PDB file of N, CA and C in Angstrom:
ATOM      1  N   UNK A   1      79.307  43.877  11.059  1.00  0.00           N
ATOM      2  CA  UNK A   1      78.110  43.280  10.525  1.00  0.00           C
ATOM      3  C   UNK A   1      77.275  44.323   9.771  1.00  0.00           C
ATOM      4  N   UNK A   2      77.227  45.541  10.315  1.00  0.00           N
ATOM      5  CA  UNK A   2      76.472  46.601   9.636  1.00  0.00           C
ATOM      6  C   UNK A   2      77.003  46.835   8.231  1.00  0.00           C
ATOM      7  N   UNK A   3      78.325  46.828   8.086  1.00  0.00           N
ATOM      8  CA  UNK A   3      78.926  47.037   6.772  1.00  0.00           C
ATOM      9  C   UNK A   3      78.577  45.894   5.818  1.00  0.00           C
ATOM     10  N   UNK A   4      78.627  44.663   6.309  1.00  0.00           N
ATOM     11  CA  UNK A   4      78.313  43.498   5.471  1.00  0.00           C
ATOM     12  C   UNK A   4      76.838  43.468   5.067  1.00  0.00           C
ATOM     13  N   UNK A   5      75.968  43.985   5.919  1.00  0.00           N
ATOM     14  CA  UNK A   5      74.523  43.947   5.651  1.00  0.00           C
ATOM     15  C   UNK A   5      74.013  45.173   4.909  1.00  0.00           C
ATOM     16  N   UNK A   6      74.870  46.148   4.659  1.00  0.00           N
ATOM     17  CA  UNK A   6      74.440  47.368   3.964  1.00  0.00           C
ATOM     18  C   UNK A   6      73.816  47.004   2.618  1.00  0.00           C
ATOM     19  N   UNK A   7      72.639  47.549   2.357  1.00  0.00           N
ATOM     20  CA  UNK A   7      71.901  47.338   1.096  1.00  0.00           C
ATOM     21  C   UNK A   7      71.443  45.901   0.894  1.00  0.00           C
ATOM     22  N   UNK A   8      71.404  45.116   1.945  1.00  0.00           N
ATOM     23  CA  UNK A   8      70.911  43.739   1.866  1.00  0.00           C
ATOM     24  C   UNK A   8      69.697  43.594   2.767  1.00  0.00           C
ATOM     25  N   UNK A   9      68.825  42.676   2.390  1.00  0.00           N
ATOM     26  CA  UNK A   9      67.627  42.413   3.180  1.00  0.00           C
ATOM     27  C   UNK A   9      67.800  41.097   3.927  1.00  0.00           C
ATOM     28  N   UNK A  10      67.518  41.112   5.229  1.00  0.00           N
ATOM     29  CA  UNK A  10      67.568  39.895   6.039  1.00  0.00           C
ATOM     30  C   UNK A  10      66.239  39.165   5.902  1.00  0.00           C
ATOM     31  N   UNK A  11      66.306  37.909   5.509  1.00  0.00           N
ATOM     32  CA  UNK A  11      65.120  37.056   5.456  1.00  0.00           C
ATOM     33  C   UNK A  11      65.389  35.859   6.354  1.00  0.00           C
ATOM     34  N   UNK A  12      64.574  35.699   7.364  1.00  0.00           N
ATOM     35  CA  UNK A  12      64.736  34.574   8.284  1.00  0.00           C
ATOM     36  C   UNK A  12      64.416  33.266   7.562  1.00  0.00           C
ATOM     37  N   UNK A  13      65.112  32.204   7.928  1.00  0.00           N
ATOM     38  CA  UNK A  13      64.847  30.901   7.313  1.00  0.00           C
ATOM     39  C   UNK A  13      63.386  30.506   7.468  1.00  0.00           C
ATOM     40  N   UNK A  14      62.783  30.806   8.616  1.00  0.00           N
ATOM     41  CA  UNK A  14      61.391  30.442   8.850  1.00  0.00           C
ATOM     42  C   UNK A  14      60.434  31.243   7.965  1.00  0.00           C
ATOM     43  N   UNK A  15      60.912  32.325   7.354  1.00  0.00           N
ATOM     44  CA  UNK A  15      60.105  33.142   6.455  1.00  0.00           C
ATOM     45  C   UNK A  15      60.387  32.849   4.986  1.00  0.00           C
ATOM     46  N   UNK A  16      61.381  32.054   4.713  1.00  0.00           N
ATOM     47  CA  UNK A  16      61.865  31.878   3.345  1.00  0.00           C
ATOM     48  C   UNK A  16      60.789  31.350   2.399  1.00  0.00           C
ATOM     49  N   UNK A  17      60.049  30.350   2.806  1.00  0.00           N
ATOM     50  CA  UNK A  17      59.023  29.767   1.941  1.00  0.00           C
ATOM     51  C   UNK A  17      57.978  30.810   1.538  1.00  0.00           C
ATOM     52  N   UNK A  18      57.491  31.576   2.504  1.00  0.00           N
ATOM     53  CA  UNK A  18      56.477  32.589   2.177  1.00  0.00           C
ATOM     54  C   UNK A  18      57.059  33.723   1.343  1.00  0.00           C
ATOM     55  N   UNK A  19      58.299  34.103   1.598  1.00  0.00           N
ATOM     56  CA  UNK A  19      58.940  35.165   0.812  1.00  0.00           C
ATOM     57  C   UNK A  19      59.162  34.727  -0.634  1.00  0.00           C
ATOM     58  N   UNK A  20      59.527  33.458  -0.835  1.00  0.00           N
ATOM     59  CA  UNK A  20      59.707  32.950  -2.197  1.00  0.00           C
ATOM     60  C   UNK A  20      58.394  32.986  -2.973  1.00  0.00           C
ATOM     61  N   UNK A  21      57.286  32.785  -2.281  1.00  0.00           N
ATOM     62  CA  UNK A  21      55.977  32.783  -2.931  1.00  0.00           C
ATOM     63  C   UNK A  21      55.466  34.187  -3.239  1.00  0.00           C
ATOM     64  N   UNK A  22      55.891  35.184  -2.456  1.00  0.00           N
ATOM     65  CA  UNK A  22      55.309  36.524  -2.595  1.00  0.00           C
ATOM     66  C   UNK A  22      56.257  37.582  -3.144  1.00  0.00           C
ATOM     67  N   UNK A  23      57.549  37.322  -3.152  1.00  0.00           N
ATOM     68  CA  UNK A  23      58.511  38.327  -3.607  1.00  0.00           C
ATOM     69  C   UNK A  23      59.450  37.741  -4.648  1.00  0.00           C
ATOM     70  N   UNK A  24      59.969  38.586  -5.512  1.00  0.00           N
ATOM     71  CA  UNK A  24      60.944  38.149  -6.501  1.00  0.00           C
ATOM     72  C   UNK A  24      62.341  38.339  -5.894  1.00  0.00           C
ATOM     73  N   UNK A  25      62.818  37.311  -5.226  1.00  0.00           N
ATOM     74  CA  UNK A  25      64.093  37.414  -4.510  1.00  0.00           C
ATOM     75  C   UNK A  25      65.289  37.498  -5.447  1.00  0.00           C
ATOM     76  N   UNK A  26      65.102  37.110  -6.709  1.00  0.00           N
ATOM     77  CA  UNK A  26      66.205  37.199  -7.664  1.00  0.00           C
ATOM     78  C   UNK A  26      66.573  38.639  -7.970  1.00  0.00           C
ATOM     79  N   UNK A  27      65.681  39.566  -7.695  1.00  0.00           N
ATOM     80  CA  UNK A  27      65.929  40.978  -8.000  1.00  0.00           C
ATOM     81  C   UNK A  27      66.443  41.765  -6.810  1.00  0.00           C
ATOM     82  N   UNK A  28      66.729  41.092  -5.707  1.00  0.00           N
ATOM     83  CA  UNK A  28      67.247  41.804  -4.538  1.00  0.00           C
ATOM     84  C   UNK A  28      68.431  41.053  -3.946  1.00  0.00           C
ATOM     85  N   UNK A  29      69.232  41.776  -3.197  1.00  0.00           N
ATOM     86  CA  UNK A  29      70.372  41.190  -2.496  1.00  0.00           C
ATOM     87  C   UNK A  29      69.894  40.859  -1.086  1.00  0.00           C
ATOM     88  N   UNK A  30      69.761  39.567  -0.786  1.00  0.00           N
ATOM     89  CA  UNK A  30      69.235  39.156   0.507  1.00  0.00           C
ATOM     90  C   UNK A  30      70.167  38.159   1.170  1.00  0.00           C
ATOM     91  N   UNK A  31      70.017  38.042   2.489  1.00  0.00           N
ATOM     92  CA  UNK A  31      70.868  37.208   3.318  1.00  0.00           C
ATOM     93  C   UNK A  31      69.984  36.438   4.292  1.00  0.00           C
ATOM     94  N   UNK A  32      70.397  35.215   4.591  1.00  0.00           N
ATOM     95  CA  UNK A  32      69.727  34.456   5.631  1.00  0.00           C
ATOM     96  C   UNK A  32      70.785  33.798   6.507  1.00  0.00           C
ATOM     97  N   UNK A  33      70.412  33.489   7.731  1.00  0.00           N
ATOM     98  CA  UNK A  33      71.303  32.822   8.663  1.00  0.00           C
ATOM     99  C   UNK A  33      70.623  31.556   9.152  1.00  0.00           C
ATOM    100  N   UNK A  34      71.400  30.531   9.406  1.00  0.00           N
ATOM    101  CA  UNK A  34      70.834  29.304   9.929  1.00  0.00           C
ATOM    102  C   UNK A  34      71.808  28.583  10.833  1.00  0.00           C
ATOM    103  N   UNK A  35      71.244  27.780  11.697  1.00  0.00           N
ATOM    104  CA  UNK A  35      72.015  26.940  12.601  1.00  0.00           C
ATOM    105  C   UNK A  35      71.855  25.503  12.114  1.00  0.00           C
ATOM    106  N   UNK A  36      72.955  24.764  12.068  1.00  0.00           N
ATOM    107  CA  UNK A  36      72.878  23.356  11.693  1.00  0.00           C
ATOM    108  C   UNK A  36      72.268  22.608  12.874  1.00  0.00           C
ATOM    109  N   UNK A  37      71.020  22.171  12.707  1.00  0.00           N
ATOM    110  CA  UNK A  37      70.346  21.466  13.798  1.00  0.00           C
ATOM    111  C   UNK A  37      70.425  19.953  13.625  1.00  0.00           C
ATOM    112  N   UNK A  38      70.749  19.491  12.429  1.00  0.00           N
ATOM    113  CA  UNK A  38      70.908  18.057  12.203  1.00  0.00           C
ATOM    114  C   UNK A  38      71.797  17.842  10.988  1.00  0.00           C
ATOM    115  N   UNK A  39      72.668  16.854  11.099  1.00  0.00           N
ATOM    116  CA  UNK A  39      73.519  16.456   9.984  1.00  0.00           C
ATOM    117  C   UNK A  39      73.283  14.981   9.698  1.00  0.00           C
ATOM    118  N   UNK A  40      73.086  14.674   8.432  1.00  0.00           N
ATOM    119  CA  UNK A  40      72.954  13.281   8.016  1.00  0.00           C
ATOM    120  C   UNK A  40      74.356  12.788   7.664  1.00  0.00           C
ATOM    121  N   UNK A  41      74.664  11.554   8.019  1.00  0.00           N
ATOM    122  CA  UNK A  41      75.962  10.969   7.672  1.00  0.00           C
ATOM    123  C   UNK A  41      76.180  11.093   6.166  1.00  0.00           C
ATOM    124  N   UNK A  42      77.379  11.543   5.724  1.00  0.00           N
ATOM    125  CA  UNK A  42      77.627  11.674   4.287  1.00  0.00           C
ATOM    126  C   UNK A  42      77.222  10.403   3.535  1.00  0.00           C
ATOM    127  N   UNK A  43      76.634  10.618   2.362  1.00  0.00           N
ATOM    128  CA  UNK A  43      76.115   9.531   1.553  1.00  0.00           C
ATOM    129  C   UNK A  43      76.726   9.563   0.171  1.00  0.00           C
ATOM    130  N   UNK A  44      76.575   8.462  -0.559  1.00  0.00           N
ATOM    131  CA  UNK A  44      77.067   8.378  -1.931  1.00  0.00           C
ATOM    132  C   UNK A  44      75.897   8.461  -2.898  1.00  0.00           C
ATOM    133  N   UNK A  45      76.047   9.320  -3.901  1.00  0.00           N
ATOM    134  CA  UNK A  45      75.041   9.437  -4.957  1.00  0.00           C
ATOM    135  C   UNK A  45      75.204   8.277  -5.935  1.00  0.00           C
ATOM    136  N   UNK A  46      74.268   8.141  -6.836  1.00  0.00           N
ATOM    137  CA  UNK A  46      74.324   7.048  -7.813  1.00  0.00           C
ATOM    138  C   UNK A  46      75.555   7.133  -8.712  1.00  0.00           C
ATOM    139  N   UNK A  47      76.119   8.338  -8.854  1.00  0.00           N
ATOM    140  CA  UNK A  47      77.332   8.503  -9.668  1.00  0.00           C
ATOM    141  C   UNK A  47      78.609   8.260  -8.862  1.00  0.00           C
ATOM    142  N   UNK A  48      78.457   7.873  -7.580  1.00  0.00           N
ATOM    143  CA  UNK A  48      79.605   7.559  -6.740  1.00  0.00           C
ATOM    144  C   UNK A  48      80.168   8.725  -5.957  1.00  0.00           C
ATOM    145  N   UNK A  49      79.687   9.915  -6.211  1.00  0.00           N
ATOM    146  CA  UNK A  49      80.178  11.089  -5.483  1.00  0.00           C
ATOM    147  C   UNK A  49      79.504  11.192  -4.123  1.00  0.00           C
ATOM    148  N   UNK A  50      80.277  11.646  -3.145  1.00  0.00           N
ATOM    149  CA  UNK A  50      79.781  11.772  -1.780  1.00  0.00           C
ATOM    150  C   UNK A  50      79.163  13.156  -1.578  1.00  0.00           C
ATOM    151  N   UNK A  51      78.091  13.206  -0.789  1.00  0.00           N
ATOM    152  CA  UNK A  51      77.440  14.475  -0.472  1.00  0.00           C
ATOM    153  C   UNK A  51      76.937  14.443   0.961  1.00  0.00           C
ATOM    154  N   UNK A  52      76.624  15.628   1.476  1.00  0.00           N
ATOM    155  CA  UNK A  52      76.100  15.771   2.836  1.00  0.00           C
ATOM    156  C   UNK A  52      74.748  16.467   2.787  1.00  0.00           C
ATOM    157  N   UNK A  53      73.956  16.225   3.815  1.00  0.00           N
ATOM    158  CA  UNK A  53      72.687  16.926   3.972  1.00  0.00           C
ATOM    159  C   UNK A  53      72.661  17.533   5.373  1.00  0.00           C
ATOM    160  N   UNK A  54      72.412  18.835   5.429  1.00  0.00           N
ATOM    161  CA  UNK A  54      72.258  19.535   6.697  1.00  0.00           C
ATOM    162  C   UNK A  54      70.825  20.027   6.812  1.00  0.00           C
ATOM    163  N   UNK A  55      70.288  19.989   8.025  1.00  0.00           N
ATOM    164  CA  UNK A  55      68.991  20.615   8.309  1.00  0.00           C
ATOM    165  C   UNK A  55      69.301  21.909   9.060  1.00  0.00           C
ATOM    166  N   UNK A  56      68.824  23.025   8.518  1.00  0.00           N
ATOM    167  CA  UNK A  56      69.092  24.347   9.081  1.00  0.00           C
ATOM    168  C   UNK A  56      67.819  24.942   9.656  1.00  0.00           C
ATOM    169  N   UNK A  57      67.982  25.732  10.711  1.00  0.00           N
ATOM    170  CA  UNK A  57      66.859  26.380  11.355  1.00  0.00           C
ATOM    171  C   UNK A  57      67.321  27.729  11.886  1.00  0.00           C
ATOM    172  N   UNK A  58      66.392  28.684  12.006  1.00  0.00           N
ATOM    173  CA  UNK A  58      66.755  30.000  12.548  1.00  0.00           C
ATOM    174  C   UNK A  58      66.448  30.123  14.041  1.00  0.00           C
ATOM    175  N   UNK A  59      66.036  29.033  14.667  1.00  0.00           N
ATOM    176  CA  UNK A  59      65.724  28.940  16.096  1.00  0.00           C
ATOM    177  C   UNK A  59      64.517  29.774  16.503  1.00  0.00           C
ATOM    178  N   UNK A  60      63.793  30.316  15.542  1.00  0.00           N
ATOM    179  CA  UNK A  60      62.565  31.043  15.845  1.00  0.00           C
ATOM    180  C   UNK A  60      61.376  30.084  15.815  1.00  0.00           C
ATOM    181  N   UNK A  61      61.352  29.195  14.829  1.00  0.00           N
ATOM    182  CA  UNK A  61      60.286  28.204  14.698  1.00  0.00           C
ATOM    183  C   UNK A  61      60.952  26.869  14.395  1.00  0.00           C
ATOM    184  N   UNK A  62      61.055  26.021  15.388  1.00  0.00           N
ATOM    185  CA  UNK A  62      61.794  24.761  15.233  1.00  0.00           C
ATOM    186  C   UNK A  62      61.112  23.771  14.297  1.00  0.00           C
ATOM    187  N   UNK A  63      59.879  24.061  13.876  1.00  0.00           N
ATOM    188  CA  UNK A  63      59.194  23.207  12.907  1.00  0.00           C
ATOM    189  C   UNK A  63      59.495  23.601  11.466  1.00  0.00           C
ATOM    190  N   UNK A  64      60.144  24.737  11.264  1.00  0.00           N
ATOM    191  CA  UNK A  64      60.465  25.225   9.932  1.00  0.00           C
ATOM    192  C   UNK A  64      61.965  25.045   9.667  1.00  0.00           C
ATOM    193  N   UNK A  65      62.323  23.968   9.005  1.00  0.00           N
ATOM    194  CA  UNK A  65      63.729  23.707   8.677  1.00  0.00           C
ATOM    195  C   UNK A  65      63.927  23.738   7.170  1.00  0.00           C
ATOM    196  N   UNK A  66      65.144  23.998   6.784  1.00  0.00           N
ATOM    197  CA  UNK A  66      65.539  23.965   5.384  1.00  0.00           C
ATOM    198  C   UNK A  66      66.613  22.905   5.246  1.00  0.00           C
ATOM    199  N   UNK A  67      66.481  22.046   4.245  1.00  0.00           N
ATOM    200  CA  UNK A  67      67.510  21.042   3.976  1.00  0.00           C
ATOM    201  C   UNK A  67      68.499  21.614   2.980  1.00  0.00           C
ATOM    202  N   UNK A  68      69.767  21.521   3.317  1.00  0.00           N
ATOM    203  CA  UNK A  68      70.836  22.015   2.460  1.00  0.00           C
ATOM    204  C   UNK A  68      71.684  20.825   2.034  1.00  0.00           C
ATOM    205  N   UNK A  69      71.795  20.617   0.727  1.00  0.00           N
ATOM    206  CA  UNK A  69      72.585  19.524   0.175  1.00  0.00           C
ATOM    207  C   UNK A  69      73.939  20.083  -0.248  1.00  0.00           C
ATOM    208  N   UNK A  70      75.023  19.455   0.211  1.00  0.00           N
ATOM    209  CA  UNK A  70      76.378  19.901  -0.099  1.00  0.00           C
ATOM    210  C   UNK A  70      77.033  18.880  -1.021  1.00  0.00           C
ATOM    211  N   UNK A  71      77.477  19.338  -2.183  1.00  0.00           N
ATOM    212  CA  UNK A  71      78.112  18.481  -3.178  1.00  0.00           C
ATOM    213  C   UNK A  71      79.499  19.015  -3.524  1.00  0.00           C
ATOM    214  N   UNK A  72      80.298  18.192  -4.160  1.00  0.00           N
ATOM    215  CA  UNK A  72      81.583  18.603  -4.727  1.00  0.00           C
ATOM    216  C   UNK A  72      82.522  19.230  -3.724  1.00  0.00           C
ATOM    217  N   UNK A  73      83.145  20.344  -4.149  1.00  0.00           N
ATOM    218  CA  UNK A  73      84.126  21.029  -3.306  1.00  0.00           C
ATOM    219  C   UNK A  73      83.517  21.564  -2.012  1.00  0.00           C
ATOM    220  N   UNK A  74      82.254  21.979  -2.066  1.00  0.00           N
ATOM    221  CA  UNK A  74      81.588  22.479  -0.860  1.00  0.00           C
ATOM    222  C   UNK A  74      81.483  21.355   0.173  1.00  0.00           C
ATOM    223  N   UNK A  75      81.094  20.168  -0.283  1.00  0.00           N
ATOM    224  CA  UNK A  75      81.034  19.015   0.631  1.00  0.00           C
ATOM    225  C   UNK A  75      82.423  18.720   1.195  1.00  0.00           C
ATOM    226  N   UNK A  76      83.426  18.664   0.337  1.00  0.00           N
ATOM    227  CA  UNK A  76      84.789  18.337   0.776  1.00  0.00           C
ATOM    228  C   UNK A  76      85.301  19.333   1.814  1.00  0.00           C
ATOM    229  N   UNK A  77      84.969  20.596   1.624  1.00  0.00           N
ATOM    230  CA  UNK A  77      85.481  21.635   2.522  1.00  0.00           C
ATOM    231  C   UNK A  77      84.712  21.718   3.843  1.00  0.00           C
ATOM    232  N   UNK A  78      83.417  21.396   3.825  1.00  0.00           N
ATOM    233  CA  UNK A  78      82.587  21.677   5.000  1.00  0.00           C
ATOM    234  C   UNK A  78      81.950  20.468   5.676  1.00  0.00           C
ATOM    235  N   UNK A  79      82.146  19.256   5.202  1.00  0.00           N
ATOM    236  CA  UNK A  79      81.405  18.118   5.753  1.00  0.00           C
ATOM    237  C   UNK A  79      81.686  17.857   7.226  1.00  0.00           C
ATOM    238  N   UNK A  80      82.811  18.321   7.731  1.00  0.00           N
ATOM    239  CA  UNK A  80      83.147  18.108   9.135  1.00  0.00           C
ATOM    240  C   UNK A  80      82.626  19.215  10.059  1.00  0.00           C
ATOM    241  N   UNK A  81      81.928  20.208   9.500  1.00  0.00           N
ATOM    242  CA  UNK A  81      81.388  21.302  10.317  1.00  0.00           C
ATOM    243  C   UNK A  81      80.459  20.734  11.393  1.00  0.00           C
ATOM    244  N   UNK A  82      80.615  21.210  12.609  1.00  0.00           N
ATOM    245  CA  UNK A  82      79.857  20.684  13.743  1.00  0.00           C
ATOM    246  C   UNK A  82      78.400  21.110  13.732  1.00  0.00           C
ATOM    247  N   UNK A  83      77.556  20.190  14.185  1.00  0.00           N
ATOM    248  CA  UNK A  83      76.152  20.522  14.428  1.00  0.00           C
ATOM    249  C   UNK A  83      76.128  21.625  15.470  1.00  0.00           C
ATOM    250  N   UNK A  84      75.228  22.588  15.299  1.00  0.00           N
ATOM    251  CA  UNK A  84      75.149  23.737  16.198  1.00  0.00           C
ATOM    252  C   UNK A  84      75.869  24.964  15.661  1.00  0.00           C
ATOM    253  N   UNK A  85      76.608  24.793  14.582  1.00  0.00           N
ATOM    254  CA  UNK A  85      77.329  25.917  13.979  1.00  0.00           C
ATOM    255  C   UNK A  85      76.361  26.821  13.241  1.00  0.00           C
ATOM    256  N   UNK A  86      76.599  28.129  13.292  1.00  0.00           N
ATOM    257  CA  UNK A  86      75.775  29.107  12.567  1.00  0.00           C
ATOM    258  C   UNK A  86      76.413  29.311  11.206  1.00  0.00           C
TER     259      UNK A  86
END
């Protein structure tokens, strides 16, 4: 993990909103981790393509979640991922 995190900044999901407002994250290499705390049943978009929605949390502040929308190949590859997965 130390090797993978070298020269990267860890930003907790619960801090992401404030960091986006105060820092230029496009100019740095940063990483975040999240736990899938809720999965919505896959849905169909107006164009007929199926997508998934995951609610992610860092388990530090359960009121601060991030919604992640999975489309295309990402949806096809990961839609069966279990709730509770990091």
